[in-house]
Amino acid sequence: MENKQTYFGEILSTVKSLTTGMRVTLKEYLLPKSTEQYPENRKTTLHVAKRHRGRLVFKRNEDGSHKCVGCTMCEKACPNETIKLVTTMVEDAETGKKKRQLVDYQYNLGDCMFCQLCTNSCNFDAIEFTNDFENAVFDRDKLVLHLDKEKYEGGSLPNLIEGGAELQIGKFNTKTK
C-alpha cells in the first residue's frame, strides 16, 4: 500500500518543516555569542586532557639516561614510517657479548598520526605521548626531532603534563559580544 499525500498535505508538511528549521536558527541567532580568548589567557584557563596525544618523548631514568635500547619495535610498528632508528652493534664490557646500541632516534612530528602503536609495541616502556599540543613551526624540518639528544622539560604552559588549568564544566574563558 503506497502512502500518497494530497497536494495540500505536502504543502502543510513543507511549511511545518520550514518552521522548525527557522525556529532553531532564530534561537541560535538571539543567544549571546562568546569567543574564547585563546592566546592571551591560555596559561590560566586552558585545560588539556591528560590522555591527549601531542608529541612523542623518551621516558628517562632517575639518572637522566633514556630507557630505549634500540630494539626497533616502535619503528616496525609505525604505519607511516614516522620513526627512524640508527643503531650499532657494540661489545658489552662486562659479558663480552655484542649488543645493540642506539645512535639516533629520529621522530617526525609532522608525519605522525598519533595512533600510539609505537608506545604500545615498546617492551621497555621507553616512549610515551605527552599532551603538549603547541608544536607549530614555520619550517617543516624543525618537526623532525631527535629524541635521544633532547630532554623534554614540558610544554610552554604551566602544569601541562597534569592537564593544565582545572577543568570547569560549563565555564569558558570567553568574551561575550
Protein backbone atom coordinates (compact mmCIF):
# COMPACT_ATOMS: atom_id res chain seq x y z
CA MET A 1 0.00 0.00 0.00
CA GLU A 2 1.51 3.29 -1.10
CA ASN A 3 1.46 6.34 1.15
CA LYS A 4 0.24 9.17 -1.04
CA GLN A 5 -0.42 12.55 0.47
CA THR A 6 -2.65 15.12 -1.08
CA TYR A 7 -1.31 18.27 -2.64
CA PHE A 8 -2.28 20.38 0.38
CA GLY A 9 -0.89 17.76 2.79
CA GLU A 10 2.52 18.06 1.10
CA ILE A 11 2.40 21.87 1.41
CA LEU A 12 1.46 21.63 5.11
CA SER A 13 4.33 19.19 5.76
CA THR A 14 6.78 21.53 4.00
CA VAL A 15 5.65 24.56 6.00
CA LYS A 16 5.93 22.58 9.24
CA SER A 17 9.49 21.51 8.39
CA LEU A 18 10.45 25.06 7.38
CA THR A 19 9.01 26.47 10.63
CA THR A 20 11.03 24.00 12.72
CA GLY A 21 14.25 24.96 10.95
CA MET A 22 13.59 28.69 11.25
CA ARG A 23 12.82 28.31 14.98
CA VAL A 24 16.20 26.67 15.62
CA THR A 25 18.01 29.29 13.52
CA LEU A 26 16.28 32.20 15.26
CA LYS A 27 17.01 30.74 18.69
CA GLU A 28 20.74 30.44 17.92
CA TYR A 29 20.79 33.93 16.38
CA LEU A 30 19.36 35.54 19.52
CA LEU A 31 21.65 33.77 22.03
CA PRO A 32 24.68 35.82 23.18
CA LYS A 33 27.87 34.96 21.30
CA SER A 34 31.09 34.05 23.08
CA THR A 35 34.68 33.99 21.88
CA GLU A 36 37.39 32.07 23.69
CA GLN A 37 40.42 34.26 24.31
CA TYR A 38 42.99 31.59 23.44
CA PRO A 39 46.40 33.13 23.05
CA GLU A 40 46.08 35.78 25.74
CA ASN A 41 44.73 33.82 28.70
CA ARG A 42 45.71 30.24 27.89
CA LYS A 43 48.04 29.90 30.89
CA THR A 44 45.26 30.35 33.40
CA THR A 45 42.19 28.73 31.86
CA LEU A 46 43.21 26.29 29.11
CA HIS A 47 42.55 22.66 30.01
CA VAL A 48 44.11 19.82 28.03
CA ALA A 49 43.13 16.23 28.74
CA LYS A 50 45.93 14.13 30.22
CA ARG A 51 45.28 11.41 27.65
CA HIS A 52 45.66 13.82 24.69
CA ARG A 53 48.43 12.66 22.34
CA GLY A 54 50.50 15.69 21.44
CA ARG A 55 54.09 14.60 20.85
CA LEU A 56 56.35 11.65 21.49
CA VAL A 57 59.05 11.86 24.18
CA PHE A 58 61.52 9.49 25.81
CA LYS A 59 60.94 8.36 29.36
CA ARG A 60 64.04 8.89 31.44
CA ASN A 61 65.62 7.03 34.35
CA GLU A 62 66.46 8.77 37.62
CA ASP A 63 69.99 9.48 36.37
CA GLY A 64 68.65 11.19 33.22
CA SER A 65 69.51 8.41 30.77
CA HIS A 66 66.83 7.17 28.40
CA LYS A 67 65.30 3.71 28.64
CA CYS A 68 65.46 2.96 24.89
CA VAL A 69 67.68 0.03 23.95
CA GLY A 70 67.26 0.39 20.18
CA CYS A 71 65.21 -2.77 19.62
CA THR A 72 63.38 -1.09 16.63
CA MET A 73 59.95 -2.43 17.65
CA CYS A 74 58.47 1.08 17.55
CA GLU A 75 59.95 1.66 14.10
CA LYS A 76 58.40 -1.57 12.83
CA ALA A 77 55.01 -0.79 14.39
CA CYS A 78 54.77 2.71 12.90
CA PRO A 79 52.38 2.56 9.92
CA ASN A 80 53.79 5.56 8.03
CA GLU A 81 57.49 5.38 8.91
CA THR A 82 57.48 8.37 11.25
CA ILE A 83 60.16 6.81 13.46
CA LYS A 84 63.64 6.02 12.15
CA LEU A 85 66.30 4.45 14.35
CA VAL A 86 70.01 4.22 13.74
CA THR A 87 71.73 1.57 15.85
CA THR A 88 75.14 -0.02 16.01
CA MET A 89 76.42 -3.25 17.49
CA VAL A 90 78.91 -2.83 20.34
CA GLU A 91 80.62 -5.33 22.59
CA ASP A 92 79.48 -5.31 26.21
CA ALA A 93 82.44 -4.77 28.54
CA GLU A 94 81.04 -6.99 31.30
CA THR A 95 79.80 -10.03 29.37
CA GLY A 96 81.77 -9.76 26.15
CA LYS A 97 78.58 -10.28 24.12
CA LYS A 98 77.54 -7.98 21.32
CA LYS A 99 74.51 -5.81 21.95
CA ARG A 100 72.66 -3.15 20.05
CA GLN A 101 73.23 0.49 21.00
CA LEU A 102 71.08 3.44 19.96
CA VAL A 103 72.90 6.06 17.89
CA ASP A 104 69.99 8.24 16.71
CA TYR A 105 66.23 8.17 17.36
CA GLN A 106 64.53 10.32 14.72
CA TYR A 107 60.83 11.16 15.15
CA ASN A 108 58.97 13.20 12.52
CA LEU A 109 56.18 15.01 14.35
CA GLY A 110 54.77 16.39 11.09
CA ASP A 111 54.08 12.92 9.68
CA CYS A 112 52.88 11.29 12.91
CA MET A 113 49.28 10.02 13.02
CA PHE A 114 49.30 9.85 16.86
CA CYS A 115 47.98 6.29 16.68
CA GLN A 116 50.06 5.18 19.70
CA LEU A 117 51.11 1.91 18.06
CA CYS A 118 54.75 2.74 18.81
CA THR A 119 54.18 3.16 22.54
CA ASN A 120 52.07 0.00 22.70
CA SER A 121 54.77 -2.05 20.97
CA CYS A 122 57.63 -0.81 23.17
CA ASN A 123 58.62 -3.65 25.50
CA PHE A 124 60.86 -1.40 27.60
CA ASP A 125 58.32 1.39 28.33
CA ALA A 126 60.78 3.87 26.86
CA ILE A 127 58.48 6.24 24.92
CA GLU A 128 55.20 7.98 25.66
CA PHE A 129 52.96 10.67 24.27
CA THR A 130 52.63 13.92 26.20
CA ASN A 131 49.71 16.29 25.93
CA ASP A 132 51.86 19.15 24.62
CA PHE A 133 49.92 20.48 21.66
CA GLU A 134 51.65 23.76 20.77
CA ASN A 135 54.09 22.43 18.17
CA ALA A 136 53.53 24.87 15.30
CA VAL A 137 56.65 25.94 13.38
CA PHE A 138 57.27 27.72 10.10
CA ASP A 139 59.82 25.22 8.80
CA ARG A 140 58.83 21.54 8.43
CA ASP A 141 62.42 20.47 9.07
CA LYS A 142 62.04 21.64 12.68
CA LEU A 143 59.35 18.98 13.18
CA VAL A 144 61.96 16.24 12.87
CA LEU A 145 63.02 15.61 16.46
CA HIS A 146 65.96 13.57 17.73
CA LEU A 147 64.53 12.18 20.96
CA ASP A 148 67.76 10.69 22.23
CA LYS A 149 69.51 14.08 22.00
CA GLU A 150 66.80 16.26 23.54
CA LYS A 151 65.49 16.20 27.08
CA TYR A 152 61.81 17.15 27.23
CA GLU A 153 61.14 19.51 30.11
CA GLY A 154 57.45 20.16 29.48
CA GLY A 155 55.47 22.47 27.26
CA SER A 156 55.01 26.22 27.27
CA LEU A 157 52.01 26.06 29.58
CA PRO A 158 52.35 25.56 33.34
CA ASN A 159 51.18 22.18 34.63
CA LEU A 160 50.59 20.98 31.06
CA ILE A 161 51.55 17.39 31.83
CA GLU A 162 48.98 17.33 34.65
CA GLY A 163 46.32 18.72 32.31
CA GLY A 164 46.87 22.48 32.52
CA ALA A 165 44.19 24.51 34.25
CA GLU A 166 41.41 22.85 36.22
CA LEU A 167 38.56 21.57 34.10
CA GLN A 168 35.43 23.60 34.74
CA ILE A 169 32.34 22.25 33.04
CA GLY A 170 30.18 25.00 31.54
CA LYS A 171 32.66 27.81 32.21
CA PHE A 172 34.87 29.07 29.41
CA ASN A 173 37.44 31.78 29.05
CA THR A 174 35.10 33.85 26.98
CA LYS A 175 34.30 37.34 25.97
CA THR A 176 30.60 37.98 25.36
CA LYS A 177 29.62 40.25 22.48
